[in-house]
């Protein structure tokens, strides 16, 4: 396993486990709202994620497999999720 990294920096085929959701800096309402919405979508600590697809222009948006769901996010939103990438399955 590698050091935790932002999900927005992942590449197609990367897999890992979510270690932190949100910046835990709740003085900004939009950051708190984003964290709440991500948690509702299943982006919780301990969930497994895999980056399935990247958009053509600017690699945005990204399609992810979160446990057994498929979800699309902008990289800006994915930047608030920290993951522990599994380097043993890198493609």
N, C-alpha and C. Protein backbone atom coordinates (compact mmCIF):
# COMPACT_ATOMS: atom_id res chain seq x y z
N UNK A 1 0.84 -1.19 0.00
CA UNK A 1 0.00 0.00 0.00
C UNK A 1 0.89 1.25 0.00
N UNK A 2 0.36 2.30 -0.55
CA UNK A 2 1.10 3.56 -0.65
C UNK A 2 0.58 4.54 0.40
N UNK A 3 1.15 5.73 0.37
CA UNK A 3 0.66 6.80 1.25
C UNK A 3 -0.72 7.25 0.77
N UNK A 4 -1.58 7.73 1.68
CA UNK A 4 -2.89 8.24 1.25
C UNK A 4 -2.72 9.39 0.24
N UNK A 5 -3.60 9.41 -0.75
CA UNK A 5 -3.57 10.43 -1.79
C UNK A 5 -4.99 10.88 -2.07
N UNK A 6 -5.13 11.99 -2.73
CA UNK A 6 -6.46 12.49 -3.11
C UNK A 6 -7.01 11.63 -4.24
N UNK A 7 -8.28 11.33 -4.19
CA UNK A 7 -8.92 10.53 -5.23
C UNK A 7 -8.84 11.23 -6.59
N UNK A 8 -8.78 12.53 -6.58
CA UNK A 8 -8.68 13.29 -7.84
C UNK A 8 -7.37 13.03 -8.58
N UNK A 9 -6.36 12.51 -7.90
CA UNK A 9 -5.07 12.24 -8.52
C UNK A 9 -4.96 10.82 -9.06
N UNK A 10 -5.98 10.01 -8.83
CA UNK A 10 -5.97 8.62 -9.29
C UNK A 10 -6.09 8.55 -10.81
N UNK A 11 -5.63 7.45 -11.36
CA UNK A 11 -5.69 7.20 -12.79
C UNK A 11 -6.59 6.00 -13.05
N UNK A 12 -7.00 5.86 -14.29
CA UNK A 12 -7.86 4.74 -14.67
C UNK A 12 -7.24 3.41 -14.25
N UNK A 13 -8.03 2.57 -13.60
CA UNK A 13 -7.56 1.27 -13.14
C UNK A 13 -7.07 1.26 -11.70
N UNK A 14 -6.84 2.44 -11.12
CA UNK A 14 -6.39 2.49 -9.73
C UNK A 14 -7.49 2.01 -8.80
N UNK A 15 -7.09 1.28 -7.77
CA UNK A 15 -8.01 0.77 -6.75
C UNK A 15 -7.46 1.11 -5.38
N UNK A 16 -8.38 1.23 -4.43
CA UNK A 16 -7.93 1.52 -3.08
C UNK A 16 -9.09 1.56 -2.10
N UNK A 17 -8.79 2.06 -0.91
CA UNK A 17 -9.76 2.15 0.18
C UNK A 17 -9.82 3.59 0.65
N UNK A 18 -11.03 4.07 0.88
CA UNK A 18 -11.22 5.44 1.36
C UNK A 18 -10.77 5.53 2.81
N UNK A 19 -9.91 6.51 3.10
CA UNK A 19 -9.43 6.70 4.47
C UNK A 19 -9.96 7.98 5.10
N UNK A 20 -10.43 8.93 4.27
CA UNK A 20 -10.95 10.19 4.82
C UNK A 20 -11.87 10.85 3.79
N UNK A 21 -13.00 11.35 4.28
CA UNK A 21 -13.94 12.06 3.42
C UNK A 21 -14.09 13.47 3.94
N UNK A 22 -13.88 14.45 3.08
CA UNK A 22 -13.99 15.85 3.49
C UNK A 22 -12.69 16.35 4.07
N UNK A 23 -12.63 17.67 4.16
CA UNK A 23 -11.43 18.31 4.72
C UNK A 23 -11.52 18.49 6.22
N UNK A 24 -12.66 18.13 6.80
CA UNK A 24 -12.93 18.31 8.23
C UNK A 24 -12.68 19.74 8.67
N UNK A 25 -13.00 20.64 7.78
CA UNK A 25 -12.87 22.08 8.01
C UNK A 25 -14.25 22.66 7.77
N UNK A 26 -15.08 22.66 8.80
CA UNK A 26 -16.50 22.94 8.63
C UNK A 26 -16.88 24.41 8.76
N UNK A 27 -15.95 25.30 8.55
CA UNK A 27 -16.31 26.72 8.62
C UNK A 27 -16.87 27.22 7.28
N UNK A 28 -16.82 26.38 6.25
CA UNK A 28 -17.39 26.76 4.96
C UNK A 28 -18.60 25.88 4.68
N UNK A 29 -19.74 26.50 4.45
CA UNK A 29 -20.98 25.75 4.25
C UNK A 29 -20.92 24.83 3.03
N UNK A 30 -20.30 25.29 1.93
CA UNK A 30 -20.26 24.44 0.74
C UNK A 30 -19.41 23.19 0.95
N UNK A 31 -18.34 23.28 1.75
CA UNK A 31 -17.51 22.11 2.03
C UNK A 31 -18.28 21.10 2.88
N UNK A 32 -19.05 21.59 3.83
CA UNK A 32 -19.86 20.71 4.67
C UNK A 32 -20.95 20.04 3.85
N UNK A 33 -21.58 20.78 2.94
CA UNK A 33 -22.62 20.22 2.07
C UNK A 33 -22.04 19.16 1.14
N UNK A 34 -20.87 19.39 0.56
CA UNK A 34 -20.23 18.41 -0.31
C UNK A 34 -19.91 17.14 0.47
N UNK A 35 -19.36 17.29 1.66
CA UNK A 35 -19.03 16.12 2.48
C UNK A 35 -20.29 15.31 2.79
N UNK A 36 -21.38 15.98 3.13
CA UNK A 36 -22.63 15.30 3.43
C UNK A 36 -23.14 14.52 2.21
N UNK A 37 -23.08 15.15 1.04
CA UNK A 37 -23.56 14.49 -0.18
C UNK A 37 -22.69 13.30 -0.56
N UNK A 38 -21.38 13.42 -0.40
CA UNK A 38 -20.49 12.29 -0.69
C UNK A 38 -20.77 11.12 0.24
N UNK A 39 -20.99 11.41 1.52
CA UNK A 39 -21.31 10.34 2.48
C UNK A 39 -22.62 9.65 2.10
N UNK A 40 -23.61 10.42 1.67
CA UNK A 40 -24.89 9.85 1.25
C UNK A 40 -24.75 8.96 0.02
N UNK A 41 -23.80 9.27 -0.85
CA UNK A 41 -23.56 8.48 -2.05
C UNK A 41 -22.77 7.20 -1.78
N UNK A 42 -22.27 7.04 -0.55
CA UNK A 42 -21.54 5.83 -0.21
C UNK A 42 -20.04 6.00 -0.09
N UNK A 43 -19.56 7.23 -0.21
CA UNK A 43 -18.13 7.50 -0.05
C UNK A 43 -17.83 7.60 1.45
N UNK A 44 -17.69 6.44 2.08
CA UNK A 44 -17.45 6.39 3.52
C UNK A 44 -16.10 5.75 3.78
N UNK A 45 -15.51 6.04 4.92
CA UNK A 45 -14.22 5.47 5.27
C UNK A 45 -14.32 3.95 5.28
N UNK A 46 -13.37 3.29 4.63
CA UNK A 46 -13.36 1.84 4.55
C UNK A 46 -13.96 1.28 3.28
N UNK A 47 -14.67 2.10 2.51
CA UNK A 47 -15.26 1.63 1.25
C UNK A 47 -14.15 1.46 0.20
N UNK A 48 -14.29 0.44 -0.63
CA UNK A 48 -13.32 0.24 -1.70
C UNK A 48 -13.74 1.04 -2.93
N UNK A 49 -12.77 1.60 -3.62
CA UNK A 49 -13.05 2.39 -4.82
C UNK A 49 -12.13 1.93 -5.95
N UNK A 50 -12.63 2.07 -7.17
CA UNK A 50 -11.84 1.80 -8.37
C UNK A 50 -12.22 2.84 -9.41
N UNK A 51 -11.22 3.45 -10.02
CA UNK A 51 -11.48 4.43 -11.07
C UNK A 51 -11.68 3.68 -12.38
N UNK A 52 -12.89 3.75 -12.92
CA UNK A 52 -13.25 2.99 -14.11
C UNK A 52 -13.03 3.75 -15.41
N UNK A 53 -13.28 5.06 -15.40
CA UNK A 53 -13.25 5.83 -16.64
C UNK A 53 -12.91 7.29 -16.35
N UNK A 54 -12.19 7.91 -17.28
CA UNK A 54 -11.88 9.34 -17.20
C UNK A 54 -12.46 10.01 -18.44
N UNK A 55 -12.97 11.22 -18.26
CA UNK A 55 -13.49 11.99 -19.39
C UNK A 55 -12.40 12.30 -20.39
N UNK A 56 -12.81 12.60 -21.62
CA UNK A 56 -11.85 12.86 -22.69
C UNK A 56 -11.08 14.17 -22.53
N UNK A 57 -11.77 15.21 -22.09
CA UNK A 57 -11.15 16.53 -22.00
C UNK A 57 -10.82 16.86 -20.56
N UNK A 58 -9.55 16.97 -20.27
CA UNK A 58 -9.12 17.28 -18.92
C UNK A 58 -9.32 16.14 -17.94
N UNK A 59 -9.54 14.91 -18.46
CA UNK A 59 -9.77 13.73 -17.63
C UNK A 59 -10.92 13.93 -16.64
N UNK A 60 -11.92 14.72 -17.03
CA UNK A 60 -13.02 15.07 -16.13
C UNK A 60 -14.33 14.92 -16.88
N UNK A 61 -15.36 14.33 -16.32
CA UNK A 61 -15.48 13.75 -14.98
C UNK A 61 -14.87 12.35 -14.93
N UNK A 62 -14.92 11.75 -13.75
CA UNK A 62 -14.42 10.39 -13.58
C UNK A 62 -15.58 9.49 -13.16
N UNK A 63 -15.52 8.24 -13.60
CA UNK A 63 -16.50 7.24 -13.19
C UNK A 63 -15.82 6.29 -12.22
N UNK A 64 -16.47 6.05 -11.10
CA UNK A 64 -15.89 5.24 -10.03
C UNK A 64 -16.80 4.09 -9.66
N UNK A 65 -16.18 3.01 -9.23
CA UNK A 65 -16.92 1.92 -8.60
C UNK A 65 -16.67 2.07 -7.10
N UNK A 66 -17.74 2.28 -6.34
CA UNK A 66 -17.64 2.41 -4.89
C UNK A 66 -18.38 1.21 -4.31
N UNK A 67 -17.63 0.27 -3.74
CA UNK A 67 -18.16 -1.03 -3.35
C UNK A 67 -18.88 -1.62 -4.56
N UNK A 68 -20.21 -1.71 -4.58
CA UNK A 68 -20.91 -2.31 -5.72
C UNK A 68 -21.68 -1.28 -6.54
N UNK A 69 -21.45 0.01 -6.33
CA UNK A 69 -22.15 1.06 -7.07
C UNK A 69 -21.23 1.70 -8.10
N UNK A 70 -21.83 2.34 -9.10
CA UNK A 70 -21.08 3.16 -10.06
C UNK A 70 -21.51 4.60 -9.85
N UNK A 71 -20.53 5.51 -9.72
CA UNK A 71 -20.81 6.92 -9.46
C UNK A 71 -19.87 7.76 -10.32
N UNK A 72 -20.38 8.88 -10.82
CA UNK A 72 -19.55 9.83 -11.56
C UNK A 72 -19.36 11.08 -10.71
N UNK A 73 -18.12 11.58 -10.69
CA UNK A 73 -17.77 12.79 -9.94
C UNK A 73 -16.88 13.68 -10.77
N UNK A 74 -16.90 14.95 -10.46
CA UNK A 74 -15.89 15.86 -11.01
C UNK A 74 -14.63 15.69 -10.18
N UNK A 75 -13.50 15.95 -10.78
CA UNK A 75 -12.24 15.82 -10.04
C UNK A 75 -12.18 16.82 -8.88
N UNK A 76 -12.82 17.96 -9.03
CA UNK A 76 -12.86 18.94 -7.94
C UNK A 76 -13.54 18.33 -6.71
N UNK A 77 -14.61 17.58 -6.92
CA UNK A 77 -15.30 16.92 -5.80
C UNK A 77 -14.46 15.77 -5.25
N UNK A 78 -13.81 15.03 -6.14
CA UNK A 78 -12.98 13.89 -5.73
C UNK A 78 -11.76 14.33 -4.92
N UNK A 79 -11.38 15.60 -5.03
CA UNK A 79 -10.22 16.10 -4.30
C UNK A 79 -10.46 16.12 -2.79
N UNK A 80 -11.71 16.04 -2.35
CA UNK A 80 -11.98 16.05 -0.91
C UNK A 80 -12.04 14.64 -0.32
N UNK A 81 -11.65 13.64 -1.12
CA UNK A 81 -11.65 12.25 -0.66
C UNK A 81 -10.21 11.74 -0.68
N UNK A 82 -9.74 11.24 0.45
CA UNK A 82 -8.39 10.65 0.52
C UNK A 82 -8.51 9.14 0.46
N UNK A 83 -7.65 8.52 -0.34
CA UNK A 83 -7.66 7.07 -0.50
C UNK A 83 -6.28 6.48 -0.30
N UNK A 84 -6.26 5.25 0.14
CA UNK A 84 -5.02 4.47 0.24
C UNK A 84 -5.03 3.57 -0.98
N UNK A 85 -4.22 3.91 -2.00
CA UNK A 85 -4.19 3.13 -3.24
C UNK A 85 -3.46 1.82 -3.03
N UNK A 86 -3.98 0.78 -3.68
CA UNK A 86 -3.36 -0.55 -3.63
C UNK A 86 -2.39 -0.64 -4.81
N UNK A 87 -1.11 -0.53 -4.55
CA UNK A 87 -0.12 -0.52 -5.62
C UNK A 87 0.13 -1.92 -6.19
N UNK A 88 -0.34 -2.95 -5.52
CA UNK A 88 -0.11 -4.31 -6.02
C UNK A 88 -1.00 -4.64 -7.21
N UNK A 89 -2.06 -3.85 -7.46
CA UNK A 89 -2.95 -4.11 -8.58
C UNK A 89 -2.88 -3.00 -9.62
N UNK A 90 -1.83 -2.20 -9.61
CA UNK A 90 -1.69 -1.10 -10.59
C UNK A 90 -1.61 -1.68 -11.99
N UNK A 91 -2.29 -0.98 -12.93
CA UNK A 91 -2.30 -1.45 -14.32
C UNK A 91 -1.28 -0.75 -15.15
